[in-house]
N, C-alpha and C. Protein backbone atom coordinates (compact mmCIF):
# COMPACT_ATOMS: atom_id res chain seq x y z
N MET A 1 12.23 -23.33 -6.51
CA MET A 1 10.89 -22.82 -6.32
C MET A 1 10.92 -21.31 -6.07
N SER A 2 11.95 -20.85 -5.34
CA SER A 2 12.07 -19.41 -5.08
C SER A 2 12.25 -18.64 -6.37
N LEU A 3 13.00 -19.21 -7.31
CA LEU A 3 13.22 -18.53 -8.59
C LEU A 3 11.91 -18.32 -9.34
N ILE A 4 11.09 -19.36 -9.40
CA ILE A 4 9.81 -19.26 -10.10
C ILE A 4 8.91 -18.24 -9.39
N GLY A 5 8.85 -18.33 -8.07
CA GLY A 5 8.04 -17.38 -7.31
C GLY A 5 8.49 -15.95 -7.51
N ASN A 6 9.81 -15.74 -7.50
CA ASN A 6 10.34 -14.39 -7.70
C ASN A 6 10.05 -13.86 -9.10
N LEU A 7 10.15 -14.71 -10.12
CA LEU A 7 9.86 -14.26 -11.48
C LEU A 7 8.39 -13.88 -11.64
N ILE A 8 7.51 -14.72 -11.13
CA ILE A 8 6.07 -14.41 -11.20
C ILE A 8 5.77 -13.15 -10.41
N TRP A 9 6.35 -13.06 -9.22
CA TRP A 9 6.17 -11.88 -8.36
C TRP A 9 6.60 -10.61 -9.08
N PHE A 10 7.78 -10.64 -9.66
CA PHE A 10 8.34 -9.46 -10.33
C PHE A 10 7.43 -8.99 -11.47
N VAL A 11 6.99 -9.93 -12.29
CA VAL A 11 6.18 -9.59 -13.46
C VAL A 11 4.80 -9.07 -13.05
N PHE A 12 4.20 -9.68 -12.04
CA PHE A 12 2.82 -9.34 -11.68
C PHE A 12 2.74 -8.42 -10.45
N GLY A 13 3.55 -7.40 -10.40
CA GLY A 13 3.37 -6.37 -9.38
C GLY A 13 4.56 -6.07 -8.50
N GLY A 14 5.48 -6.99 -8.36
CA GLY A 14 6.64 -6.74 -7.51
C GLY A 14 7.48 -5.58 -7.99
N VAL A 15 7.55 -5.43 -9.30
CA VAL A 15 8.33 -4.34 -9.87
C VAL A 15 7.77 -2.98 -9.45
N LEU A 16 6.45 -2.86 -9.37
CA LEU A 16 5.84 -1.58 -8.99
C LEU A 16 6.17 -1.19 -7.55
N MET A 17 6.06 -2.14 -6.65
CA MET A 17 6.34 -1.81 -5.25
C MET A 17 7.85 -1.63 -5.02
N GLY A 18 8.67 -2.39 -5.72
CA GLY A 18 10.11 -2.18 -5.63
C GLY A 18 10.50 -0.79 -6.09
N LEU A 19 9.89 -0.36 -7.21
CA LEU A 19 10.14 1.00 -7.69
C LEU A 19 9.61 2.05 -6.71
N GLY A 20 8.51 1.73 -6.04
CA GLY A 20 8.00 2.63 -5.00
C GLY A 20 9.00 2.81 -3.87
N TRP A 21 9.63 1.72 -3.45
CA TRP A 21 10.67 1.80 -2.42
C TRP A 21 11.85 2.63 -2.92
N TRP A 22 12.26 2.40 -4.15
CA TRP A 22 13.40 3.15 -4.69
C TRP A 22 13.07 4.62 -4.85
N LEU A 23 11.83 4.94 -5.21
CA LEU A 23 11.41 6.34 -5.28
C LEU A 23 11.48 6.99 -3.91
N ALA A 24 11.01 6.29 -2.89
CA ALA A 24 11.10 6.82 -1.52
C ALA A 24 12.57 7.02 -1.14
N GLY A 25 13.43 6.09 -1.58
CA GLY A 25 14.86 6.22 -1.30
C GLY A 25 15.47 7.42 -1.98
N LEU A 26 15.09 7.66 -3.23
CA LEU A 26 15.61 8.83 -3.95
C LEU A 26 15.14 10.12 -3.28
N LEU A 27 13.89 10.18 -2.88
CA LEU A 27 13.39 11.38 -2.19
C LEU A 27 14.13 11.60 -0.86
N ALA A 28 14.39 10.52 -0.14
CA ALA A 28 15.13 10.65 1.11
C ALA A 28 16.57 11.07 0.85
N LEU A 29 17.16 10.55 -0.21
CA LEU A 29 18.54 10.89 -0.56
C LEU A 29 18.69 12.36 -0.91
N ILE A 30 17.72 12.91 -1.59
CA ILE A 30 17.76 14.32 -1.99
C ILE A 30 17.82 15.24 -0.78
N THR A 31 17.20 14.84 0.32
CA THR A 31 17.16 15.71 1.50
C THR A 31 18.47 15.73 2.28
N ILE A 32 19.41 14.92 1.96
CA ILE A 32 20.70 14.76 2.62
C ILE A 32 20.53 14.17 4.03
N VAL A 33 19.66 14.74 4.87
CA VAL A 33 19.48 14.17 6.21
C VAL A 33 18.78 12.81 6.15
N GLY A 34 18.18 12.50 5.01
CA GLY A 34 17.49 11.23 4.85
C GLY A 34 18.35 10.11 4.31
N ILE A 35 19.67 10.31 4.25
CA ILE A 35 20.55 9.29 3.68
C ILE A 35 20.43 7.94 4.41
N PRO A 36 20.35 7.90 5.75
CA PRO A 36 20.17 6.58 6.39
C PRO A 36 18.88 5.88 5.95
N TRP A 37 17.81 6.65 5.78
CA TRP A 37 16.55 6.07 5.32
C TRP A 37 16.66 5.64 3.86
N ALA A 38 17.40 6.39 3.07
CA ALA A 38 17.58 6.06 1.66
C ALA A 38 18.27 4.71 1.52
N LYS A 39 19.27 4.46 2.32
CA LYS A 39 19.98 3.18 2.26
C LYS A 39 19.01 2.04 2.56
N ALA A 40 18.21 2.22 3.60
CA ALA A 40 17.22 1.19 3.94
C ALA A 40 16.22 1.00 2.81
N CYS A 41 15.82 2.08 2.17
CA CYS A 41 14.86 1.99 1.06
C CYS A 41 15.42 1.19 -0.10
N PHE A 42 16.67 1.41 -0.43
CA PHE A 42 17.26 0.69 -1.57
C PHE A 42 17.43 -0.79 -1.25
N VAL A 43 17.82 -1.12 -0.03
CA VAL A 43 17.97 -2.53 0.36
C VAL A 43 16.61 -3.22 0.37
N ILE A 44 15.62 -2.58 0.98
CA ILE A 44 14.30 -3.20 1.05
C ILE A 44 13.62 -3.16 -0.32
N GLY A 45 13.93 -2.16 -1.13
CA GLY A 45 13.41 -2.13 -2.49
C GLY A 45 13.88 -3.32 -3.30
N GLN A 46 15.14 -3.67 -3.15
CA GLN A 46 15.67 -4.85 -3.83
C GLN A 46 14.97 -6.10 -3.31
N PHE A 47 14.71 -6.14 -2.00
CA PHE A 47 13.96 -7.24 -1.40
C PHE A 47 12.54 -7.28 -1.96
N ALA A 48 11.92 -6.11 -2.17
CA ALA A 48 10.56 -6.04 -2.72
C ALA A 48 10.51 -6.53 -4.16
N PHE A 49 11.61 -6.41 -4.89
CA PHE A 49 11.65 -6.94 -6.25
C PHE A 49 11.63 -8.47 -6.26
N PHE A 50 12.40 -9.08 -5.37
CA PHE A 50 12.54 -10.54 -5.33
C PHE A 50 12.51 -11.04 -3.89
N PRO A 51 11.32 -11.17 -3.27
CA PRO A 51 11.26 -11.49 -1.83
C PRO A 51 11.35 -12.97 -1.48
N PHE A 52 11.07 -13.85 -2.41
CA PHE A 52 11.03 -15.27 -2.06
C PHE A 52 12.44 -15.79 -1.81
N GLY A 53 12.59 -16.54 -0.72
CA GLY A 53 13.88 -17.10 -0.34
C GLY A 53 14.67 -16.19 0.59
N LYS A 54 14.11 -15.03 0.92
CA LYS A 54 14.77 -14.08 1.83
C LYS A 54 13.79 -13.67 2.92
N GLU A 55 14.34 -13.09 3.97
CA GLU A 55 13.51 -12.66 5.09
C GLU A 55 14.16 -11.46 5.75
N ALA A 56 13.35 -10.62 6.33
CA ALA A 56 13.85 -9.45 7.07
C ALA A 56 13.88 -9.81 8.56
N ILE A 57 15.03 -9.57 9.18
CA ILE A 57 15.16 -9.80 10.62
C ILE A 57 15.87 -8.60 11.25
N SER A 58 15.77 -8.50 12.54
CA SER A 58 16.43 -7.42 13.26
C SER A 58 17.94 -7.64 13.28
N ARG A 59 18.68 -6.56 13.07
CA ARG A 59 20.15 -6.67 13.16
C ARG A 59 20.57 -7.03 14.59
N LYS A 60 19.80 -6.62 15.56
CA LYS A 60 20.11 -6.94 16.96
C LYS A 60 20.07 -8.46 17.17
N ASP A 61 19.09 -9.13 16.59
CA ASP A 61 19.00 -10.59 16.70
C ASP A 61 20.12 -11.27 15.92
N LEU A 62 20.48 -10.70 14.78
CA LEU A 62 21.51 -11.31 13.94
C LEU A 62 22.89 -11.20 14.56
N TYR A 63 23.24 -10.01 15.04
CA TYR A 63 24.60 -9.77 15.54
C TYR A 63 24.71 -9.86 17.06
N LEU A 64 23.58 -10.06 17.74
CA LEU A 64 23.53 -10.18 19.20
C LEU A 64 24.08 -8.97 19.93
N LYS A 65 23.92 -7.80 19.32
CA LYS A 65 24.30 -6.55 19.97
C LYS A 65 23.53 -5.41 19.32
N GLU A 66 23.35 -4.36 20.08
CA GLU A 66 22.64 -3.20 19.55
C GLU A 66 23.59 -2.33 18.75
N ASP A 67 23.03 -1.65 17.77
CA ASP A 67 23.77 -0.63 17.03
C ASP A 67 22.91 0.62 16.98
N ILE A 68 23.32 1.60 16.23
CA ILE A 68 22.60 2.87 16.21
C ILE A 68 21.17 2.71 15.68
N GLY A 69 20.95 1.74 14.79
CA GLY A 69 19.62 1.54 14.23
C GLY A 69 18.70 0.68 15.06
N THR A 70 19.25 -0.06 16.02
CA THR A 70 18.42 -0.94 16.84
C THR A 70 18.17 -0.39 18.23
N GLY A 71 18.77 0.73 18.56
CA GLY A 71 18.57 1.35 19.86
C GLY A 71 17.57 2.48 19.82
N PRO A 72 17.71 3.43 20.75
CA PRO A 72 16.76 4.55 20.82
C PRO A 72 16.74 5.41 19.56
N PHE A 73 17.90 5.61 18.91
CA PHE A 73 17.93 6.40 17.68
C PHE A 73 17.16 5.70 16.55
N GLY A 74 17.22 4.37 16.54
CA GLY A 74 16.45 3.61 15.56
C GLY A 74 14.96 3.78 15.76
N LEU A 75 14.54 3.82 17.01
CA LEU A 75 13.12 4.05 17.30
C LEU A 75 12.67 5.42 16.82
N ILE A 76 13.48 6.43 17.09
CA ILE A 76 13.17 7.79 16.62
C ILE A 76 13.14 7.81 15.09
N GLY A 77 14.12 7.15 14.47
CA GLY A 77 14.17 7.08 13.01
C GLY A 77 12.95 6.39 12.42
N ASN A 78 12.49 5.34 13.08
CA ASN A 78 11.31 4.63 12.59
C ASN A 78 10.04 5.47 12.75
N VAL A 79 9.95 6.27 13.80
CA VAL A 79 8.78 7.15 13.97
C VAL A 79 8.76 8.19 12.86
N ILE A 80 9.92 8.79 12.59
CA ILE A 80 10.01 9.78 11.51
C ILE A 80 9.68 9.11 10.17
N TRP A 81 10.25 7.94 9.95
CA TRP A 81 9.99 7.20 8.72
C TRP A 81 8.50 6.92 8.56
N PHE A 82 7.86 6.44 9.63
CA PHE A 82 6.44 6.10 9.59
C PHE A 82 5.61 7.30 9.14
N LEU A 83 5.92 8.46 9.68
CA LEU A 83 5.13 9.66 9.38
C LEU A 83 5.30 10.13 7.94
N PHE A 84 6.51 10.03 7.41
CA PHE A 84 6.77 10.59 6.08
C PHE A 84 6.63 9.60 4.93
N ALA A 85 6.98 8.35 5.12
CA ALA A 85 6.96 7.41 3.99
C ALA A 85 6.38 6.05 4.34
N GLY A 86 6.56 5.61 5.54
CA GLY A 86 6.17 4.25 5.91
C GLY A 86 4.70 3.96 5.71
N ILE A 87 3.87 4.89 6.10
CA ILE A 87 2.43 4.66 5.99
C ILE A 87 2.02 4.52 4.53
N TRP A 88 2.66 5.27 3.64
CA TRP A 88 2.30 5.23 2.22
C TRP A 88 2.77 3.93 1.56
N LEU A 89 3.97 3.50 1.88
CA LEU A 89 4.45 2.24 1.32
C LEU A 89 3.65 1.06 1.87
N ALA A 90 3.34 1.10 3.16
CA ALA A 90 2.52 0.04 3.75
C ALA A 90 1.14 0.00 3.09
N PHE A 91 0.57 1.17 2.84
CA PHE A 91 -0.73 1.24 2.18
C PHE A 91 -0.66 0.62 0.78
N GLY A 92 0.41 0.90 0.05
CA GLY A 92 0.59 0.31 -1.28
C GLY A 92 0.69 -1.21 -1.21
N HIS A 93 1.42 -1.72 -0.22
CA HIS A 93 1.54 -3.18 -0.08
C HIS A 93 0.21 -3.80 0.34
N ILE A 94 -0.54 -3.12 1.19
CA ILE A 94 -1.84 -3.67 1.61
C ILE A 94 -2.82 -3.69 0.44
N CYS A 95 -2.83 -2.63 -0.36
CA CYS A 95 -3.69 -2.63 -1.55
C CYS A 95 -3.29 -3.74 -2.51
N SER A 96 -1.99 -3.94 -2.69
CA SER A 96 -1.51 -5.02 -3.55
C SER A 96 -1.88 -6.38 -2.98
N ALA A 97 -1.82 -6.52 -1.66
CA ALA A 97 -2.18 -7.78 -1.01
C ALA A 97 -3.66 -8.09 -1.23
N ILE A 98 -4.50 -7.09 -1.10
CA ILE A 98 -5.94 -7.30 -1.33
C ILE A 98 -6.18 -7.75 -2.76
N ALA A 99 -5.50 -7.11 -3.70
CA ALA A 99 -5.65 -7.51 -5.11
C ALA A 99 -5.19 -8.95 -5.33
N CYS A 100 -4.13 -9.36 -4.63
CA CYS A 100 -3.64 -10.74 -4.78
C CYS A 100 -4.55 -11.74 -4.09
N PHE A 101 -5.15 -11.36 -2.97
CA PHE A 101 -6.03 -12.28 -2.24
C PHE A 101 -7.29 -12.63 -3.03
N VAL A 102 -7.66 -11.78 -3.99
CA VAL A 102 -8.86 -12.01 -4.77
C VAL A 102 -8.78 -13.35 -5.52
N THR A 103 -7.59 -13.71 -5.96
CA THR A 103 -7.41 -14.97 -6.67
C THR A 103 -6.81 -16.00 -5.73
N ILE A 104 -7.11 -17.23 -5.93
CA ILE A 104 -6.54 -18.30 -5.10
C ILE A 104 -5.03 -18.39 -5.30
N ILE A 105 -4.60 -18.31 -6.55
CA ILE A 105 -3.18 -18.45 -6.86
C ILE A 105 -2.35 -17.28 -6.31
N GLY A 106 -2.99 -16.16 -6.04
CA GLY A 106 -2.27 -14.99 -5.56
C GLY A 106 -2.06 -14.94 -4.06
N ILE A 107 -2.56 -15.91 -3.31
CA ILE A 107 -2.46 -15.86 -1.85
C ILE A 107 -1.01 -15.82 -1.36
N PRO A 108 -0.08 -16.63 -1.89
CA PRO A 108 1.31 -16.52 -1.42
C PRO A 108 1.91 -15.13 -1.68
N PHE A 109 1.50 -14.50 -2.78
CA PHE A 109 1.98 -13.17 -3.09
C PHE A 109 1.38 -12.14 -2.14
N ALA A 110 0.13 -12.34 -1.78
CA ALA A 110 -0.53 -11.44 -0.82
C ALA A 110 0.17 -11.52 0.53
N ILE A 111 0.55 -12.71 0.93
CA ILE A 111 1.26 -12.87 2.21
C ILE A 111 2.59 -12.13 2.17
N GLN A 112 3.30 -12.21 1.05
CA GLN A 112 4.56 -11.47 0.92
C GLN A 112 4.32 -9.97 1.01
N HIS A 113 3.25 -9.50 0.38
CA HIS A 113 2.94 -8.07 0.45
C HIS A 113 2.65 -7.64 1.90
N LEU A 114 1.96 -8.49 2.65
CA LEU A 114 1.67 -8.14 4.04
C LEU A 114 2.95 -8.11 4.89
N LYS A 115 3.88 -9.03 4.60
CA LYS A 115 5.18 -8.98 5.29
C LYS A 115 5.92 -7.69 4.95
N LEU A 116 5.90 -7.32 3.68
CA LEU A 116 6.56 -6.08 3.27
C LEU A 116 5.86 -4.86 3.85
N ALA A 117 4.54 -4.92 4.03
CA ALA A 117 3.83 -3.81 4.65
C ALA A 117 4.30 -3.64 6.09
N GLY A 118 4.51 -4.73 6.79
CA GLY A 118 5.04 -4.65 8.15
C GLY A 118 6.43 -4.04 8.20
N ILE A 119 7.27 -4.42 7.25
CA ILE A 119 8.61 -3.85 7.16
C ILE A 119 8.53 -2.37 6.82
N ALA A 120 7.58 -2.00 5.96
CA ALA A 120 7.44 -0.61 5.54
C ALA A 120 7.13 0.31 6.72
N LEU A 121 6.50 -0.21 7.75
CA LEU A 121 6.16 0.63 8.90
C LEU A 121 7.36 0.97 9.76
N ALA A 122 8.35 0.07 9.83
CA ALA A 122 9.52 0.32 10.67
C ALA A 122 10.74 -0.42 10.13
N PRO A 123 11.40 0.10 9.07
CA PRO A 123 12.51 -0.62 8.46
C PRO A 123 13.87 -0.41 9.11
N ILE A 124 14.02 0.65 9.90
CA ILE A 124 15.33 0.93 10.49
C ILE A 124 15.66 -0.14 11.52
N GLY A 125 16.85 -0.69 11.43
CA GLY A 125 17.28 -1.75 12.34
C GLY A 125 17.05 -3.14 11.79
N MET A 126 16.51 -3.22 10.58
CA MET A 126 16.25 -4.52 9.95
C MET A 126 17.31 -4.79 8.88
N THR A 127 17.51 -6.06 8.58
CA THR A 127 18.39 -6.46 7.49
C THR A 127 17.75 -7.63 6.76
N ILE A 128 18.13 -7.81 5.53
CA ILE A 128 17.58 -8.87 4.69
C ILE A 128 18.60 -10.00 4.61
N VAL A 129 18.16 -11.22 4.93
CA VAL A 129 19.05 -12.38 4.93
C VAL A 129 18.33 -13.55 4.25
N PRO A 130 19.08 -14.58 3.83
CA PRO A 130 18.42 -15.78 3.31
C PRO A 130 17.56 -16.44 4.39
N LYS A 131 16.50 -17.12 3.98
CA LYS A 131 15.57 -17.75 4.92
C LYS A 131 16.28 -18.72 5.87
N GLU A 132 17.27 -19.43 5.37
CA GLU A 132 17.98 -20.40 6.20
C GLU A 132 18.67 -19.71 7.37
N LEU A 133 19.32 -18.57 7.08
CA LEU A 133 20.00 -17.82 8.14
C LEU A 133 18.98 -17.27 9.13
N ALA A 134 17.86 -16.77 8.65
CA ALA A 134 16.82 -16.25 9.55
C ALA A 134 16.31 -17.36 10.46
N ALA A 135 16.12 -18.56 9.92
CA ALA A 135 15.66 -19.69 10.74
C ALA A 135 16.70 -20.04 11.79
N ALA A 136 17.98 -20.00 11.42
CA ALA A 136 19.04 -20.30 12.38
C ALA A 136 19.09 -19.26 13.49
N VAL A 137 18.90 -18.00 13.13
CA VAL A 137 18.90 -16.93 14.14
C VAL A 137 17.72 -17.10 15.09
N ARG A 138 16.54 -17.41 14.55
CA ARG A 138 15.37 -17.66 15.40
C ARG A 138 15.61 -18.86 16.31
N GLY A 139 16.22 -19.91 15.76
CA GLY A 139 16.52 -21.10 16.56
C GLY A 139 17.50 -20.80 17.67
N GLN A 140 18.48 -19.98 17.38
CA GLN A 140 19.46 -19.58 18.39
C GLN A 140 18.79 -18.77 19.49
N GLY A 141 17.89 -17.87 19.10
CA GLY A 141 17.16 -17.07 20.09
C GLY A 141 16.25 -17.92 20.95
N ALA A 142 15.61 -18.91 20.33
CA ALA A 142 14.73 -19.81 21.07
C ALA A 142 15.54 -20.66 22.05
N ALA A 143 16.71 -21.12 21.63
CA ALA A 143 17.56 -21.91 22.52
C ALA A 143 18.01 -21.07 23.71
N ALA A 144 18.37 -19.82 23.47
CA ALA A 144 18.79 -18.94 24.56
C ALA A 144 17.64 -18.69 25.53
N GLU A 145 16.44 -18.48 25.01
CA GLU A 145 15.27 -18.27 25.87
C GLU A 145 14.96 -19.51 26.69
N LEU A 146 15.09 -20.68 26.08
CA LEU A 146 14.87 -21.93 26.80
C LEU A 146 15.87 -22.09 27.93
N ASN A 147 17.12 -21.78 27.67
CA ASN A 147 18.15 -21.86 28.72
C ASN A 147 17.86 -20.87 29.84
N ASN A 148 17.39 -19.66 29.51
CA ASN A 148 17.03 -18.69 30.55
C ASN A 148 15.90 -19.19 31.41
N ARG A 149 14.89 -19.80 30.82
CA ARG A 149 13.75 -20.31 31.57
C ARG A 149 14.15 -21.50 32.43
N ARG A 150 15.03 -22.33 31.94
CA ARG A 150 15.48 -23.49 32.71
C ARG A 150 16.32 -23.08 33.92
N SER A 151 17.05 -21.99 33.80
CA SER A 151 17.94 -21.56 34.88
C SER A 151 17.17 -20.83 35.99
N ARG A 152 15.91 -20.54 35.80
CA ARG A 152 15.13 -19.82 36.83
C ARG A 152 14.72 -20.72 37.94
């Protein structure tokens, strides 16, 4: 089912937003100081081409430790990203989502665009994983939270 969804997505608009992410990545790459943002753009751009069957999660949740992108530097990076590129990519995804919501059949695609709009606002510290792994990570986090609450 993911394959069919991804093919339909790609043909009917996913390619445009994926190219938008890659364009933002190329612009960031040209500046040299934007190389960390460029890497995120290319990874998320690939996700924007074929989003079904994958999910974006925090690297902190996945690896159970902070790194440079999930700590204070990641927050600063996301603020800079938001000001220069994030707002524009999010706007593109929101416009695409509205266009998809117009039709009944486009609602699943609109939901994907809204998820990508959220990622566009703050991509630093995120990684793309298969849905099964994301569910396992969420389950592990929920189990840890339950154990914390029980021990109180």
